[in-house]
Amino acid sequence: MWEFFSAVFQQTGILGLSCVVEAAVIAYLVRLYRQKDNQADALNKRLFEMSEKRLKDVVEEREKYEDLSQDLNKSINLLIKVFRKKNGINGD
């Protein structure tokens, strides 16, 4: 790499060398940006997958709690009927 920069300097001077170095730095930064962008994309994909899984889990839990709530309501209604029947209270 040093030989390349030396040859550029000998043929074009400091101005040409600075342009080549600037282009090399820009190319390096673009490459670095793409790597970081790819890493961010992978992370975003993973986070999205995790959020989808969590949403699915939450929906399943909600359905379980709704079922439990319905069962609990049925049990309470049955207990109320039994209590009323034992105490001779009419009212459905």
PDB file of N, CA and C in Angstrom:
ATOM      1  N   MET A   1       0.829  -1.183   0.000  1.00  0.00           N
ATOM      2  CA  MET A   1       0.000   0.000   0.000  1.00  0.00           C
ATOM      3  C   MET A   1       0.877   1.251   0.000  1.00  0.00           C
ATOM      4  N   TRP A   2       1.957   1.183   0.783  1.00  0.00           N
ATOM      5  CA  TRP A   2       2.857   2.340   0.847  1.00  0.00           C
ATOM      6  C   TRP A   2       3.483   2.618  -0.510  1.00  0.00           C
ATOM      7  N   GLU A   3       3.822   1.554  -1.235  1.00  0.00           N
ATOM      8  CA  GLU A   3       4.413   1.726  -2.565  1.00  0.00           C
ATOM      9  C   GLU A   3       3.417   2.408  -3.501  1.00  0.00           C
ATOM     10  N   PHE A   4       2.163   2.044  -3.393  1.00  0.00           N
ATOM     11  CA  PHE A   4       1.135   2.658  -4.231  1.00  0.00           C
ATOM     12  C   PHE A   4       1.048   4.152  -3.960  1.00  0.00           C
ATOM     13  N   PHE A   5       1.002   4.525  -2.679  1.00  0.00           N
ATOM     14  CA  PHE A   5       0.924   5.948  -2.337  1.00  0.00           C
ATOM     15  C   PHE A   5       2.184   6.697  -2.774  1.00  0.00           C
ATOM     16  N   SER A   6       3.333   6.049  -2.658  1.00  0.00           N
ATOM     17  CA  SER A   6       4.586   6.676  -3.111  1.00  0.00           C
ATOM     18  C   SER A   6       4.556   6.921  -4.616  1.00  0.00           C
ATOM     19  N   ALA A   7       4.076   5.949  -5.368  1.00  0.00           N
ATOM     20  CA  ALA A   7       4.002   6.105  -6.824  1.00  0.00           C
ATOM     21  C   ALA A   7       3.032   7.214  -7.205  1.00  0.00           C
ATOM     22  N   VAL A   8       1.904   7.290  -6.515  1.00  0.00           N
ATOM     23  CA  VAL A   8       0.934   8.354  -6.788  1.00  0.00           C
ATOM     24  C   VAL A   8       1.555   9.701  -6.484  1.00  0.00           C
ATOM     25  N   PHE A   9       2.257   9.798  -5.372  1.00  0.00           N
ATOM     26  CA  PHE A   9       2.892  11.063  -4.990  1.00  0.00           C
ATOM     27  C   PHE A   9       3.943  11.475  -6.015  1.00  0.00           C
ATOM     28  N   GLN A  10       4.739  10.530  -6.484  1.00  0.00           N
ATOM     29  CA  GLN A  10       5.788  10.846  -7.457  1.00  0.00           C
ATOM     30  C   GLN A  10       5.195  11.307  -8.783  1.00  0.00           C
ATOM     31  N   GLN A  11       4.058  10.731  -9.172  1.00  0.00           N
ATOM     32  CA  GLN A  11       3.486  11.080 -10.475  1.00  0.00           C
ATOM     33  C   GLN A  11       2.573  12.296 -10.423  1.00  0.00           C
ATOM     34  N   THR A  12       1.861  12.499  -9.334  1.00  0.00           N
ATOM     35  CA  THR A  12       0.857  13.573  -9.298  1.00  0.00           C
ATOM     36  C   THR A  12       1.125  14.622  -8.240  1.00  0.00           C
ATOM     37  N   GLY A  13       2.015  14.376  -7.335  1.00  0.00           N
ATOM     38  CA  GLY A  13       2.297  15.342  -6.283  1.00  0.00           C
ATOM     39  C   GLY A  13       1.343  15.189  -5.116  1.00  0.00           C
ATOM     40  N   ILE A  14       1.425  16.153  -4.227  1.00  0.00           N
ATOM     41  CA  ILE A  14       0.656  16.092  -2.979  1.00  0.00           C
ATOM     42  C   ILE A  14      -0.845  16.185  -3.234  1.00  0.00           C
ATOM     43  N   LEU A  15      -1.241  16.970  -4.231  1.00  0.00           N
ATOM     44  CA  LEU A  15      -2.664  17.116  -4.528  1.00  0.00           C
ATOM     45  C   LEU A  15      -3.259  15.789  -5.005  1.00  0.00           C
ATOM     46  N   GLY A  16      -2.575  15.108  -5.892  1.00  0.00           N
ATOM     47  CA  GLY A  16      -3.050  13.808  -6.370  1.00  0.00           C
ATOM     48  C   GLY A  16      -3.078  12.781  -5.260  1.00  0.00           C
ATOM     49  N   LEU A  17      -2.037  12.806  -4.428  1.00  0.00           N
ATOM     50  CA  LEU A  17      -1.981  11.876  -3.301  1.00  0.00           C
ATOM     51  C   LEU A  17      -3.133  12.120  -2.338  1.00  0.00           C
ATOM     52  N   SER A  18      -3.424  13.395  -2.067  1.00  0.00           N
ATOM     53  CA  SER A  18      -4.518  13.697  -1.138  1.00  0.00           C
ATOM     54  C   SER A  18      -5.860  13.235  -1.707  1.00  0.00           C
ATOM     55  N   CYS A  19      -6.043  13.353  -3.027  1.00  0.00           N
ATOM     56  CA  CYS A  19      -7.288  12.875  -3.650  1.00  0.00           C
ATOM     57  C   CYS A  19      -7.409  11.357  -3.541  1.00  0.00           C
ATOM     58  N   VAL A  20      -6.299  10.653  -3.770  1.00  0.00           N
ATOM     59  CA  VAL A  20      -6.315   9.193  -3.681  1.00  0.00           C
ATOM     60  C   VAL A  20      -6.578   8.749  -2.247  1.00  0.00           C
ATOM     61  N   VAL A  21      -5.923   9.398  -1.300  1.00  0.00           N
ATOM     62  CA  VAL A  21      -6.130   9.055   0.115  1.00  0.00           C
ATOM     63  C   VAL A  21      -7.575   9.341   0.515  1.00  0.00           C
ATOM     64  N   GLU A  22      -8.101  10.473   0.070  1.00  0.00           N
ATOM     65  CA  GLU A  22      -9.489  10.812   0.375  1.00  0.00           C
ATOM     66  C   GLU A  22     -10.443   9.759  -0.193  1.00  0.00           C
ATOM     67  N   ALA A  23     -10.204   9.331  -1.418  1.00  0.00           N
ATOM     68  CA  ALA A  23     -11.043   8.294  -2.030  1.00  0.00           C
ATOM     69  C   ALA A  23     -10.929   6.982  -1.267  1.00  0.00           C
ATOM     70  N   ALA A  24      -9.718   6.644  -0.828  1.00  0.00           N
ATOM     71  CA  ALA A  24      -9.521   5.412  -0.062  1.00  0.00           C
ATOM     72  C   ALA A  24     -10.257   5.478   1.273  1.00  0.00           C
ATOM     73  N   VAL A  25     -10.196   6.626   1.924  1.00  0.00           N
ATOM     74  CA  VAL A  25     -10.887   6.797   3.205  1.00  0.00           C
ATOM     75  C   VAL A  25     -12.397   6.705   3.001  1.00  0.00           C
ATOM     76  N   ILE A  26     -12.897   7.338   1.946  1.00  0.00           N
ATOM     77  CA  ILE A  26     -14.334   7.274   1.669  1.00  0.00           C
ATOM     78  C   ILE A  26     -14.760   5.834   1.395  1.00  0.00           C
ATOM     79  N   ALA A  27     -13.972   5.117   0.598  1.00  0.00           N
ATOM     80  CA  ALA A  27     -14.288   3.714   0.311  1.00  0.00           C
ATOM     81  C   ALA A  27     -14.290   2.887   1.592  1.00  0.00           C
ATOM     82  N   TYR A  28     -13.315   3.138   2.472  1.00  0.00           N
ATOM     83  CA  TYR A  28     -13.249   2.421   3.749  1.00  0.00           C
ATOM     84  C   TYR A  28     -14.477   2.731   4.600  1.00  0.00           C
ATOM     85  N   LEU A  29     -14.851   4.007   4.660  1.00  0.00           N
ATOM     86  CA  LEU A  29     -16.004   4.397   5.472  1.00  0.00           C
ATOM     87  C   LEU A  29     -17.305   3.815   4.916  1.00  0.00           C
ATOM     88  N   VAL A  30     -17.429   3.774   3.594  1.00  0.00           N
ATOM     89  CA  VAL A  30     -18.618   3.169   2.987  1.00  0.00           C
ATOM     90  C   VAL A  30     -18.684   1.689   3.338  1.00  0.00           C
ATOM     91  N   ARG A  31     -17.549   1.022   3.248  1.00  0.00           N
ATOM     92  CA  ARG A  31     -17.504  -0.409   3.590  1.00  0.00           C
ATOM     93  C   ARG A  31     -17.861  -0.616   5.060  1.00  0.00           C
ATOM     94  N   LEU A  32     -17.296   0.213   5.920  1.00  0.00           N
ATOM     95  CA  LEU A  32     -17.593   0.127   7.348  1.00  0.00           C
ATOM     96  C   LEU A  32     -19.079   0.382   7.603  1.00  0.00           C
ATOM     97  N   TYR A  33     -19.637   1.377   6.917  1.00  0.00           N
ATOM     98  CA  TYR A  33     -21.061   1.687   7.067  1.00  0.00           C
ATOM     99  C   TYR A  33     -21.917   0.498   6.644  1.00  0.00           C
ATOM    100  N   ARG A  34     -21.556  -0.138   5.537  1.00  0.00           N
ATOM    101  CA  ARG A  34     -22.323  -1.298   5.063  1.00  0.00           C
ATOM    102  C   ARG A  34     -22.264  -2.445   6.061  1.00  0.00           C
ATOM    103  N   GLN A  35     -21.090  -2.647   6.663  1.00  0.00           N
ATOM    104  CA  GLN A  35     -20.967  -3.704   7.669  1.00  0.00           C
ATOM    105  C   GLN A  35     -21.868  -3.404   8.861  1.00  0.00           C
ATOM    106  N   LYS A  36     -21.822  -2.157   9.316  1.00  0.00           N
ATOM    107  CA  LYS A  36     -22.658  -1.770  10.457  1.00  0.00           C
ATOM    108  C   LYS A  36     -24.137  -1.863  10.088  1.00  0.00           C
ATOM    109  N   ASP A  37     -24.468  -1.471   8.858  1.00  0.00           N
ATOM    110  CA  ASP A  37     -25.848  -1.543   8.400  1.00  0.00           C
ATOM    111  C   ASP A  37     -26.325  -2.992   8.362  1.00  0.00           C
ATOM    112  N   ASN A  38     -25.466  -3.893   7.892  1.00  0.00           N
ATOM    113  CA  ASN A  38     -25.816  -5.316   7.866  1.00  0.00           C
ATOM    114  C   ASN A  38     -25.999  -5.859   9.274  1.00  0.00           C
ATOM    115  N   GLN A  39     -25.135  -5.421  10.197  1.00  0.00           N
ATOM    116  CA  GLN A  39     -25.275  -5.852  11.589  1.00  0.00           C
ATOM    117  C   GLN A  39     -26.581  -5.325  12.174  1.00  0.00           C
ATOM    118  N   ALA A  40     -26.896  -4.063  11.861  1.00  0.00           N
ATOM    119  CA  ALA A  40     -28.140  -3.475  12.363  1.00  0.00           C
ATOM    120  C   ALA A  40     -29.347  -4.197  11.773  1.00  0.00           C
ATOM    121  N   ASP A  41     -29.276  -4.549  10.487  1.00  0.00           N
ATOM    122  CA  ASP A  41     -30.375  -5.291   9.867  1.00  0.00           C
ATOM    123  C   ASP A  41     -30.574  -6.640  10.550  1.00  0.00           C
ATOM    124  N   ALA A  42     -29.476  -7.320  10.835  1.00  0.00           N
ATOM    125  CA  ALA A  42     -29.568  -8.619  11.504  1.00  0.00           C
ATOM    126  C   ALA A  42     -30.164  -8.457  12.900  1.00  0.00           C
ATOM    127  N   LEU A  43     -29.730  -7.415  13.604  1.00  0.00           N
ATOM    128  CA  LEU A  43     -30.258  -7.164  14.945  1.00  0.00           C
ATOM    129  C   LEU A  43     -31.744  -6.810  14.880  1.00  0.00           C
ATOM    130  N   ASN A  44     -32.111  -5.964  13.929  1.00  0.00           N
ATOM    131  CA  ASN A  44     -33.521  -5.598  13.780  1.00  0.00           C
ATOM    132  C   ASN A  44     -34.370  -6.813  13.441  1.00  0.00           C
ATOM    133  N   LYS A  45     -33.849  -7.688  12.598  1.00  0.00           N
ATOM    134  CA  LYS A  45     -34.580  -8.904  12.249  1.00  0.00           C
ATOM    135  C   LYS A  45     -34.787  -9.756  13.495  1.00  0.00           C
ATOM    136  N   ARG A  46     -33.734  -9.903  14.292  1.00  0.00           N
ATOM    137  CA  ARG A  46     -33.822 -10.703  15.519  1.00  0.00           C
ATOM    138  C   ARG A  46     -34.818 -10.083  16.503  1.00  0.00           C
ATOM    139  N   LEU A  47     -34.763  -8.761  16.649  1.00  0.00           N
ATOM    140  CA  LEU A  47     -35.702  -8.091  17.550  1.00  0.00           C
ATOM    141  C   LEU A  47     -37.140  -8.241  17.060  1.00  0.00           C
ATOM    142  N   PHE A  48     -37.329  -8.162  15.745  1.00  0.00           N
ATOM    143  CA  PHE A  48     -38.664  -8.335  15.181  1.00  0.00           C
ATOM    144  C   PHE A  48     -39.176  -9.745  15.443  1.00  0.00           C
ATOM    145  N   GLU A  49     -38.312 -10.740  15.257  1.00  0.00           N
ATOM    146  CA  GLU A  49     -38.706 -12.127  15.523  1.00  0.00           C
ATOM    147  C   GLU A  49     -39.065 -12.310  16.993  1.00  0.00           C
ATOM    148  N   MET A  50     -38.269 -11.701  17.875  1.00  0.00           N
ATOM    149  CA  MET A  50     -38.549 -11.812  19.307  1.00  0.00           C
ATOM    150  C   MET A  50     -39.873 -11.133  19.653  1.00  0.00           C
ATOM    151  N   SER A  51     -40.139  -9.968  19.043  1.00  0.00           N
ATOM    152  CA  SER A  51     -41.389  -9.270  19.343  1.00  0.00           C
ATOM    153  C   SER A  51     -42.587 -10.051  18.818  1.00  0.00           C
ATOM    154  N   GLU A  52     -42.449 -10.687  17.646  1.00  0.00           N
ATOM    155  CA  GLU A  52     -43.534 -11.523  17.130  1.00  0.00           C
ATOM    156  C   GLU A  52     -43.807 -12.703  18.058  1.00  0.00           C
ATOM    157  N   LYS A  53     -42.739 -13.329  18.554  1.00  0.00           N
ATOM    158  CA  LYS A  53     -42.897 -14.457  19.474  1.00  0.00           C
ATOM    159  C   LYS A  53     -43.565 -13.997  20.766  1.00  0.00           C
ATOM    160  N   ARG A  54     -43.132 -12.847  21.271  1.00  0.00           N
ATOM    161  CA  ARG A  54     -43.711 -12.321  22.506  1.00  0.00           C
ATOM    162  C   ARG A  54     -45.190 -11.992  22.317  1.00  0.00           C
ATOM    163  N   LEU A  55     -45.521 -11.406  21.167  1.00  0.00           N
ATOM    164  CA  LEU A  55     -46.917 -11.095  20.884  1.00  0.00           C
ATOM    165  C   LEU A  55     -47.754 -12.369  20.842  1.00  0.00           C
ATOM    166  N   LYS A  56     -47.215 -13.402  20.214  1.00  0.00           N
ATOM    167  CA  LYS A  56     -47.921 -14.689  20.152  1.00  0.00           C
ATOM    168  C   LYS A  56     -48.128 -15.241  21.558  1.00  0.00           C
ATOM    169  N   ASP A  57     -47.087 -15.161  22.395  1.00  0.00           N
ATOM    170  CA  ASP A  57     -47.196 -15.644  23.773  1.00  0.00           C
ATOM    171  C   ASP A  57     -48.248 -14.861  24.551  1.00  0.00           C
ATOM    172  N   VAL A  58     -48.261 -13.542  24.361  1.00  0.00           N
ATOM    173  CA  VAL A  58     -49.223 -12.705  25.077  1.00  0.00           C
ATOM    174  C   VAL A  58     -50.649 -13.042  24.649  1.00  0.00           C
ATOM    175  N   VAL A  59     -50.849 -13.241  23.351  1.00  0.00           N
ATOM    176  CA  VAL A  59     -52.188 -13.595  22.857  1.00  0.00           C
ATOM    177  C   VAL A  59     -52.623 -14.937  23.435  1.00  0.00           C
ATOM    178  N   GLU A  60     -51.712 -15.906  23.458  1.00  0.00           N
ATOM    179  CA  GLU A  60     -52.045 -17.214  24.028  1.00  0.00           C
ATOM    180  C   GLU A  60     -52.384 -17.094  25.509  1.00  0.00           C
ATOM    181  N   GLU A  61     -51.603 -16.311  26.245  1.00  0.00           N
ATOM    182  CA  GLU A  61     -51.873 -16.130  27.676  1.00  0.00           C
ATOM    183  C   GLU A  61     -53.215 -15.438  27.885  1.00  0.00           C
ATOM    184  N   ARG A  62     -53.507 -14.440  27.047  1.00  0.00           N
ATOM    185  CA  ARG A  62     -54.794 -13.750  27.171  1.00  0.00           C
ATOM    186  C   ARG A  62     -55.942 -14.726  26.956  1.00  0.00           C
ATOM    187  N   GLU A  63     -55.800 -15.583  25.954  1.00  0.00           N
ATOM    188  CA  GLU A  63     -56.845 -16.575  25.690  1.00  0.00           C
ATOM    189  C   GLU A  63     -57.007 -17.522  26.877  1.00  0.00           C
ATOM    190  N   LYS A  64     -55.884 -17.927  27.485  1.00  0.00           N
ATOM    191  CA  LYS A  64     -55.963 -18.798  28.664  1.00  0.00           C
ATOM    192  C   LYS A  64     -56.685 -18.093  29.805  1.00  0.00           C
ATOM    193  N   TYR A  65     -56.332 -16.805  30.032  1.00  0.00           N
ATOM    194  CA  TYR A  65     -56.971 -16.066  31.113  1.00  0.00           C
ATOM    195  C   TYR A  65     -58.447 -15.827  30.832  1.00  0.00           C
ATOM    196  N   GLU A  66     -58.802 -15.631  29.565  1.00  0.00           N
ATOM    197  CA  GLU A  66     -60.217 -15.484  29.231  1.00  0.00           C
ATOM    198  C   GLU A  66     -60.963 -16.780  29.525  1.00  0.00           C
ATOM    199  N   ASP A  67     -60.369 -17.911  29.176  1.00  0.00           N
ATOM    200  CA  ASP A  67     -60.989 -19.207  29.477  1.00  0.00           C
ATOM    201  C   ASP A  67     -61.121 -19.404  30.983  1.00  0.00           C
ATOM    202  N   LEU A  68     -60.062 -19.075  31.713  1.00  0.00           N
ATOM    203  CA  LEU A  68     -60.119 -19.199  33.173  1.00  0.00           C
ATOM    204  C   LEU A  68     -61.173 -18.270  33.757  1.00  0.00           C
ATOM    205  N   SER A  69     -61.278 -17.076  33.200  1.00  0.00           N
ATOM    206  CA  SER A  69     -62.275 -16.123  33.678  1.00  0.00           C
ATOM    207  C   SER A  69     -63.687 -16.650  33.448  1.00  0.00           C
ATOM    208  N   GLN A  70     -63.913 -17.241  32.287  1.00  0.00           N
ATOM    209  CA  GLN A  70     -65.232 -17.818  32.007  1.00  0.00           C
ATOM    210  C   GLN A  70     -65.528 -18.976  32.960  1.00  0.00           C
ATOM    211  N   ASP A  71     -64.533 -19.823  33.190  1.00  0.00           N
ATOM    212  CA  ASP A  71     -64.717 -20.938  34.129  1.00  0.00           C
ATOM    213  C   ASP A  71     -65.004 -20.421  35.532  1.00  0.00           C
ATOM    214  N   LEU A  72     -64.294 -19.376  35.927  1.00  0.00           N
ATOM    215  CA  LEU A  72     -64.504 -18.793  37.248  1.00  0.00           C
ATOM    216  C   LEU A  72     -65.905 -18.194  37.357  1.00  0.00           C
ATOM    217  N   ASN A  73     -66.345 -17.510  36.327  1.00  0.00           N
ATOM    218  CA  ASN A  73     -67.705 -16.948  36.333  1.00  0.00           C
ATOM    219  C   ASN A  73     -68.751 -18.051  36.438  1.00  0.00           C
ATOM    220  N   LYS A  74     -68.559 -19.137  35.711  1.00  0.00           N
ATOM    221  CA  LYS A  74     -69.496 -20.267  35.790  1.00  0.00           C
ATOM    222  C   LYS A  74     -69.519 -20.847  37.200  1.00  0.00           C
ATOM    223  N   SER A  75     -68.328 -20.985  37.804  1.00  0.00           N
ATOM    224  CA  SER A  75     -68.246 -21.531  39.165  1.00  0.00           C
ATOM    225  C   SER A  75     -68.926 -20.608  40.162  1.00  0.00           C
ATOM    226  N   ILE A  76     -68.717 -19.310  40.017  1.00  0.00           N
ATOM    227  CA  ILE A  76     -69.354 -18.347  40.930  1.00  0.00           C
ATOM    228  C   ILE A  76     -70.869 -18.397  40.770  1.00  0.00           C
ATOM    229  N   ASN A  77     -71.328 -18.437  39.525  1.00  0.00           N
ATOM    230  CA  ASN A  77     -72.782 -18.523  39.294  1.00  0.00           C
ATOM    231  C   ASN A  77     -73.362 -19.800  39.889  1.00  0.00           C
ATOM    232  N   LEU A  78     -72.647 -20.903  39.761  1.00  0.00           N
ATOM    233  CA  LEU A  78     -73.100 -22.164  40.340  1.00  0.00           C
ATOM    234  C   LEU A  78     -73.137 -22.076  41.866  1.00  0.00           C
ATOM    235  N   LEU A  79     -72.118 -21.475  42.466  1.00  0.00           N
ATOM    236  CA  LEU A  79     -72.104 -21.303  43.925  1.00  0.00           C
ATOM    237  C   LEU A  79     -73.256 -20.420  44.389  1.00  0.00           C
ATOM    238  N   ILE A  80     -73.553 -19.381  43.627  1.00  0.00           N
ATOM    239  CA  ILE A  80     -74.673 -18.507  43.986  1.00  0.00           C
ATOM    240  C   ILE A  80     -75.986 -19.281  43.932  1.00  0.00           C
ATOM    241  N   LYS A  81     -76.155 -20.102  42.890  1.00  0.00           N
ATOM    242  CA  LYS A  81     -77.376 -20.909  42.782  1.00  0.00           C
ATOM    243  C   LYS A  81     -77.502 -21.881  43.946  1.00  0.00           C
ATOM    244  N   VAL A  82     -76.384 -22.541  44.289  1.00  0.00           N
ATOM    245  CA  VAL A  82     -76.404 -23.487  45.409  1.00  0.00           C
ATOM    246  C   VAL A  82     -76.711 -22.753  46.707  1.00  0.00           C
ATOM    247  N   PHE A  83     -76.104 -21.597  46.927  1.00  0.00           N
ATOM    248  CA  PHE A  83     -76.344 -20.815  48.135  1.00  0.00           C
ATOM    249  C   PHE A  83     -77.810 -20.398  48.223  1.00  0.00           C
ATOM    250  N   ARG A  84     -78.352 -19.929  47.114  1.00  0.00           N
ATOM    251  CA  ARG A  84     -79.754 -19.499  47.105  1.00  0.00           C
ATOM    252  C   ARG A  84     -80.686 -20.690  47.349  1.00  0.00           C
ATOM    253  N   LYS A  85     -80.365 -21.812  46.755  1.00  0.00           N
ATOM    254  CA  LYS A  85     -81.206 -23.004  46.926  1.00  0.00           C
ATOM    255  C   LYS A  85     -81.177 -23.477  48.377  1.00  0.00           C
ATOM    256  N   LYS A  86     -79.979 -23.450  48.993  1.00  0.00           N
ATOM    257  CA  LYS A  86     -79.861 -23.887  50.394  1.00  0.00           C
ATOM    258  C   LYS A  86     -80.586 -22.942  51.331  1.00  0.00           C
ATOM    259  N   ASN A  87     -80.587 -21.670  51.006  1.00  0.00           N
ATOM    260  CA  ASN A  87     -81.205 -20.680  51.884  1.00  0.00           C
ATOM    261  C   ASN A  87     -82.629 -20.341  51.473  1.00  0.00           C
ATOM    262  N   GLY A  88     -83.137 -21.022  50.478  1.00  0.00           N
ATOM    263  CA  GLY A  88     -84.520 -20.822  50.060  1.00  0.00           C
ATOM    264  C   GLY A  88     -84.762 -19.485  49.393  1.00  0.00           C
ATOM    265  N   ILE A  89     -83.774 -18.933  48.771  1.00  0.00           N
ATOM    266  CA  ILE A  89     -83.925 -17.639  48.094  1.00  0.00           C
ATOM    267  C   ILE A  89     -84.174 -17.906  46.618  1.00  0.00           C
ATOM    268  N   ASN A  90     -85.278 -17.337  46.127  1.00  0.00           N
ATOM    269  CA  ASN A  90     -85.564 -17.465  44.695  1.00  0.00           C
ATOM    270  C   ASN A  90     -84.998 -16.253  43.976  1.00  0.00           C
ATOM    271  N   GLY A  91     -84.575 -16.462  42.765  1.00  0.00           N
ATOM    272  CA  GLY A  91     -84.074 -15.337  41.960  1.00  0.00           C
ATOM    273  C   GLY A  91     -82.989 -15.799  41.018  1.00  0.00           C
ATOM    274  N   ASP A  92     -83.369 -15.937  39.799  1.00  0.00           N
ATOM    275  CA  ASP A  92     -82.400 -16.351  38.775  1.00  0.00           C
ATOM    276  C   ASP A  92     -82.119 -15.227  37.847  1.00  0.00           C
TER     277      ASP A  92
END
